[in-house]
C-alpha atoms as a PDB file:
ATOM      1  CA  UNK A   1    -145.835 240.027-113.187  1.00  0.00           C
ATOM      2  CA  UNK A   2    -148.604 238.582-110.859  1.00  0.00           C
ATOM      3  CA  UNK A   3    -149.168 234.812-111.747  1.00  0.00           C
ATOM      4  CA  UNK A   4    -147.733 231.971-113.201  1.00  0.00           C
ATOM      5  CA  UNK A   5    -147.702 229.726-116.499  1.00  0.00           C
ATOM      6  CA  UNK A   6    -148.126 226.022-115.168  1.00  0.00           C
ATOM      7  CA  UNK A   7    -150.924 225.228-112.386  1.00  0.00           C
ATOM      8  CA  UNK A   8    -152.600 222.251-111.580  1.00  0.00           C
ATOM      9  CA  UNK A   9    -155.814 220.895-109.387  1.00  0.00           C
ATOM     10  CA  UNK A  10    -155.461 217.697-108.177  1.00  0.00           C
ATOM     11  CA  UNK A  11    -159.337 217.185-107.056  1.00  0.00           C
ATOM     12  CA  UNK A  12    -162.296 217.911-109.591  1.00  0.00           C
ATOM     13  CA  UNK A  13    -165.462 216.400-110.086  1.00  0.00           C
ATOM     14  CA  UNK A  14    -168.720 217.708-111.836  1.00  0.00           C
ATOM     15  CA  UNK A  15    -171.765 216.728-109.471  1.00  0.00           C
ATOM     16  CA  UNK A  16    -174.659 214.497-111.211  1.00  0.00           C
ATOM     17  CA  UNK A  17    -177.971 216.552-110.783  1.00  0.00           C
ATOM     18  CA  UNK A  18    -179.167 220.012-108.972  1.00  0.00           C
ATOM     19  CA  UNK A  19    -181.347 221.450-107.192  1.00  0.00           C
ATOM     20  CA  UNK A  20    -182.534 225.123-107.701  1.00  0.00           C
ATOM     21  CA  UNK A  21    -183.228 227.313-110.745  1.00  0.00           C
ATOM     22  CA  UNK A  22    -180.977 226.967-113.639  1.00  0.00           C
ATOM     23  CA  UNK A  23    -178.501 228.291-114.930  1.00  0.00           C
ATOM     24  CA  UNK A  24    -178.000 229.525-111.456  1.00  0.00           C
ATOM     25  CA  UNK A  25    -177.789 226.864-109.011  1.00  0.00           C
ATOM     26  CA  UNK A  26    -176.643 224.037-111.405  1.00  0.00           C
ATOM     27  CA  UNK A  27    -173.577 222.247-109.803  1.00  0.00           C
ATOM     28  CA  UNK A  28    -170.313 222.671-111.785  1.00  0.00           C
ATOM     29  CA  UNK A  29    -166.455 222.904-111.377  1.00  0.00           C
ATOM     30  CA  UNK A  30    -165.151 226.403-112.696  1.00  0.00           C
ATOM     31  CA  UNK A  31    -161.777 227.556-113.490  1.00  0.00           C
ATOM     32  CA  UNK A  32    -161.238 231.738-112.804  1.00  0.00           C
ATOM     33  CA  UNK A  33    -158.371 233.311-114.512  1.00  0.00           C
ATOM     34  CA  UNK A  34    -156.960 236.687-113.683  1.00  0.00           C
ATOM     35  CA  UNK A  35    -154.187 238.101-116.621  1.00  0.00           C
ATOM     36  CA  UNK A  36    -153.154 241.328-115.024  1.00  0.00           C
ATOM     37  CA  UNK A  37    -150.636 241.748-118.163  1.00  0.00           C
ATOM     38  CA  UNK A  38    -150.614 243.290-120.951  1.00  0.00           C
ATOM     39  CA  UNK A  39    -150.699 240.305-122.929  1.00  0.00           C
ATOM     40  CA  UNK A  40    -153.134 237.819-123.815  1.00  0.00           C
ATOM     41  CA  UNK A  41    -153.381 234.622-122.286  1.00  0.00           C
ATOM     42  CA  UNK A  42    -153.767 231.558-124.729  1.00  0.00           C
ATOM     43  CA  UNK A  43    -154.399 228.692-121.982  1.00  0.00           C
ATOM     44  CA  UNK A  44    -154.442 224.948-122.364  1.00  0.00           C
ATOM     45  CA  UNK A  45    -156.584 222.714-119.540  1.00  0.00           C
ATOM     46  CA  UNK A  46    -156.008 218.994-119.631  1.00  0.00           C
ATOM     47  CA  UNK A  47    -157.906 216.534-117.853  1.00  0.00           C
ATOM     48  CA  UNK A  48    -156.444 213.479-115.828  1.00  0.00           C
ATOM     49  CA  UNK A  49    -158.946 210.511-115.250  1.00  0.00           C
ATOM     50  CA  UNK A  50    -158.186 207.296-112.610  1.00  0.00           C
ATOM     51  CA  UNK A  51    -158.766 204.970-115.220  1.00  0.00           C
ATOM     52  CA  UNK A  52    -158.402 206.374-118.482  1.00  0.00           C
ATOM     53  CA  UNK A  53    -156.313 208.398-120.723  1.00  0.00           C
ATOM     54  CA  UNK A  54    -155.836 212.224-120.500  1.00  0.00           C
ATOM     55  CA  UNK A  55    -158.255 214.268-122.546  1.00  0.00           C
ATOM     56  CA  UNK A  56    -157.612 217.488-124.423  1.00  0.00           C
ATOM     57  CA  UNK A  57    -156.136 220.268-124.289  1.00  0.00           C
ATOM     58  CA  UNK A  58    -159.296 222.494-123.966  1.00  0.00           C
ATOM     59  CA  UNK A  59    -157.941 225.938-125.390  1.00  0.00           C
ATOM     60  CA  UNK A  60    -158.750 229.050-123.601  1.00  0.00           C
ATOM     61  CA  UNK A  61    -158.171 232.745-123.807  1.00  0.00           C
ATOM     62  CA  UNK A  62    -157.979 235.412-121.338  1.00  0.00           C
ATOM     63  CA  UNK A  63    -157.999 238.772-122.697  1.00  0.00           C
ATOM     64  CA  UNK A  64    -155.135 241.016-121.021  1.00  0.00           C
ATOM     65  CA  UNK A  65    -156.313 242.759-117.997  1.00  0.00           C
ATOM     66  CA  UNK A  66    -159.023 240.782-117.555  1.00  0.00           C
ATOM     67  CA  UNK A  67    -160.775 238.264-115.569  1.00  0.00           C
ATOM     68  CA  UNK A  68    -162.244 234.680-117.133  1.00  0.00           C
ATOM     69  CA  UNK A  69    -164.461 232.532-115.194  1.00  0.00           C
ATOM     70  CA  UNK A  70    -164.842 229.149-117.378  1.00  0.00           C
ATOM     71  CA  UNK A  71    -167.054 226.150-116.113  1.00  0.00           C
ATOM     72  CA  UNK A  72    -165.765 222.633-116.513  1.00  0.00           C
ATOM     73  CA  UNK A  73    -169.328 221.801-117.676  1.00  0.00           C
ATOM     74  CA  UNK A  74    -169.230 223.923-120.752  1.00  0.00           C
ATOM     75  CA  UNK A  75    -166.166 222.059-122.048  1.00  0.00           C
ATOM     76  CA  UNK A  76    -166.963 220.250-125.671  1.00  0.00           C
ATOM     77  CA  UNK A  77    -164.103 219.849-127.521  1.00  0.00           C
ATOM     78  CA  UNK A  78    -162.453 217.854-127.843  1.00  0.00           C
ATOM     79  CA  UNK A  79    -165.213 215.835-125.442  1.00  0.00           C
ATOM     80  CA  UNK A  80    -167.389 216.923-122.523  1.00  0.00           C
ATOM     81  CA  UNK A  81    -166.283 215.994-119.506  1.00  0.00           C
ATOM     82  CA  UNK A  82    -168.240 213.512-117.680  1.00  0.00           C
ATOM     83  CA  UNK A  83    -170.683 214.261-114.351  1.00  0.00           C
ATOM     84  CA  UNK A  84    -170.364 212.442-111.833  1.00  0.00           C
ATOM     85  CA  UNK A  85    -166.442 211.321-112.607  1.00  0.00           C
ATOM     86  CA  UNK A  86    -163.504 212.651-110.761  1.00  0.00           C
ATOM     87  CA  UNK A  87    -160.746 214.090-112.310  1.00  0.00           C
ATOM     88  CA  UNK A  88    -157.965 216.380-112.354  1.00  0.00           C
ATOM     89  CA  UNK A  89    -156.516 219.143-114.173  1.00  0.00           C
ATOM     90  CA  UNK A  90    -153.384 220.829-115.239  1.00  0.00           C
ATOM     91  CA  UNK A  91    -152.979 224.510-116.941  1.00  0.00           C
ATOM     92  CA  UNK A  92    -150.529 225.860-119.458  1.00  0.00           C
ATOM     93  CA  UNK A  93    -150.346 229.108-120.051  1.00  0.00           C
ATOM     94  CA  UNK A  94    -147.856 231.167-122.813  1.00  0.00           C
ATOM     95  CA  UNK A  95    -148.581 234.424-120.511  1.00  0.00           C
ATOM     96  CA  UNK A  96    -148.362 234.458-116.215  1.00  0.00           C
ATOM     97  CA  UNK A  97    -152.045 233.977-114.739  1.00  0.00           C
ATOM     98  CA  UNK A  98    -153.068 233.435-111.650  1.00  0.00           C
ATOM     99  CA  UNK A  99    -156.359 230.499-111.406  1.00  0.00           C
ATOM    100  CA  UNK A 100    -158.747 229.446-108.518  1.00  0.00           C
ATOM    101  CA  UNK A 101    -161.028 226.308-108.764  1.00  0.00           C
ATOM    102  CA  UNK A 102    -164.758 226.444-107.478  1.00  0.00           C
ATOM    103  CA  UNK A 103    -167.319 224.265-107.148  1.00  0.00           C
ATOM    104  CA  UNK A 104    -171.006 224.545-106.585  1.00  0.00           C
ATOM    105  CA  UNK A 105    -172.929 221.232-105.283  1.00  0.00           C
ATOM    106  CA  UNK A 106    -176.378 222.395-105.639  1.00  0.00           C
ATOM    107  CA  UNK A 107    -177.986 218.305-105.542  1.00  0.00           C
ATOM    108  CA  UNK A 108    -179.829 219.272-102.313  1.00  0.00           C
ATOM    109  CA  UNK A 109    -181.366 222.192-101.152  1.00  0.00           C
ATOM    110  CA  UNK A 110    -178.921 222.903 -98.932  1.00  0.00           C
ATOM    111  CA  UNK A 111    -176.173 223.954-101.364  1.00  0.00           C
ATOM    112  CA  UNK A 112    -172.851 223.514-100.922  1.00  0.00           C
ATOM    113  CA  UNK A 113    -169.475 226.280-102.600  1.00  0.00           C
ATOM    114  CA  UNK A 114    -165.970 225.397-102.255  1.00  0.00           C
ATOM    115  CA  UNK A 115    -163.154 227.240-103.651  1.00  0.00           C
ATOM    116  CA  UNK A 116    -159.640 226.391-103.688  1.00  0.00           C
ATOM    117  CA  UNK A 117    -156.034 228.346-105.233  1.00  0.00           C
ATOM    118  CA  UNK A 118    -154.461 225.500-107.335  1.00  0.00           C
ATOM    119  CA  UNK A 119    -151.105 224.389-107.135  1.00  0.00           C
ATOM    120  CA  UNK A 120    -148.670 226.786-108.733  1.00  0.00           C
ATOM    121  CA  UNK A 121    -146.235 225.311-110.601  1.00  0.00           C
ATOM    122  CA  UNK A 122    -142.307 226.544-110.723  1.00  0.00           C
ATOM    123  CA  UNK A 123    -141.525 230.112-112.360  1.00  0.00           C
END
């Protein structure tokens, strides 16, 4: 089976402000999920901050044999993630999945895009 059930992203930051047409160029943080398995994956994301208690879980279902791209900017329940604030996240899934973290920083015309593979927990 491809993937893990535990992941961590130690770095997160939703930039304040954007440059360019919306929604395509809105600054954002994204988690990309791959569920190559035969069962839907039920994922819980917890957000950690430098100076306050964690928030979550945010719940996402990744259908079997599908990919799902989820923007941290769109999280509403239990509360929105504030822009301009450093955070980290843990990802727990009931099925093995693969995760990738991407940020688009479009605060200036010379946009920046970064993408990393989060830390995968022990299997």
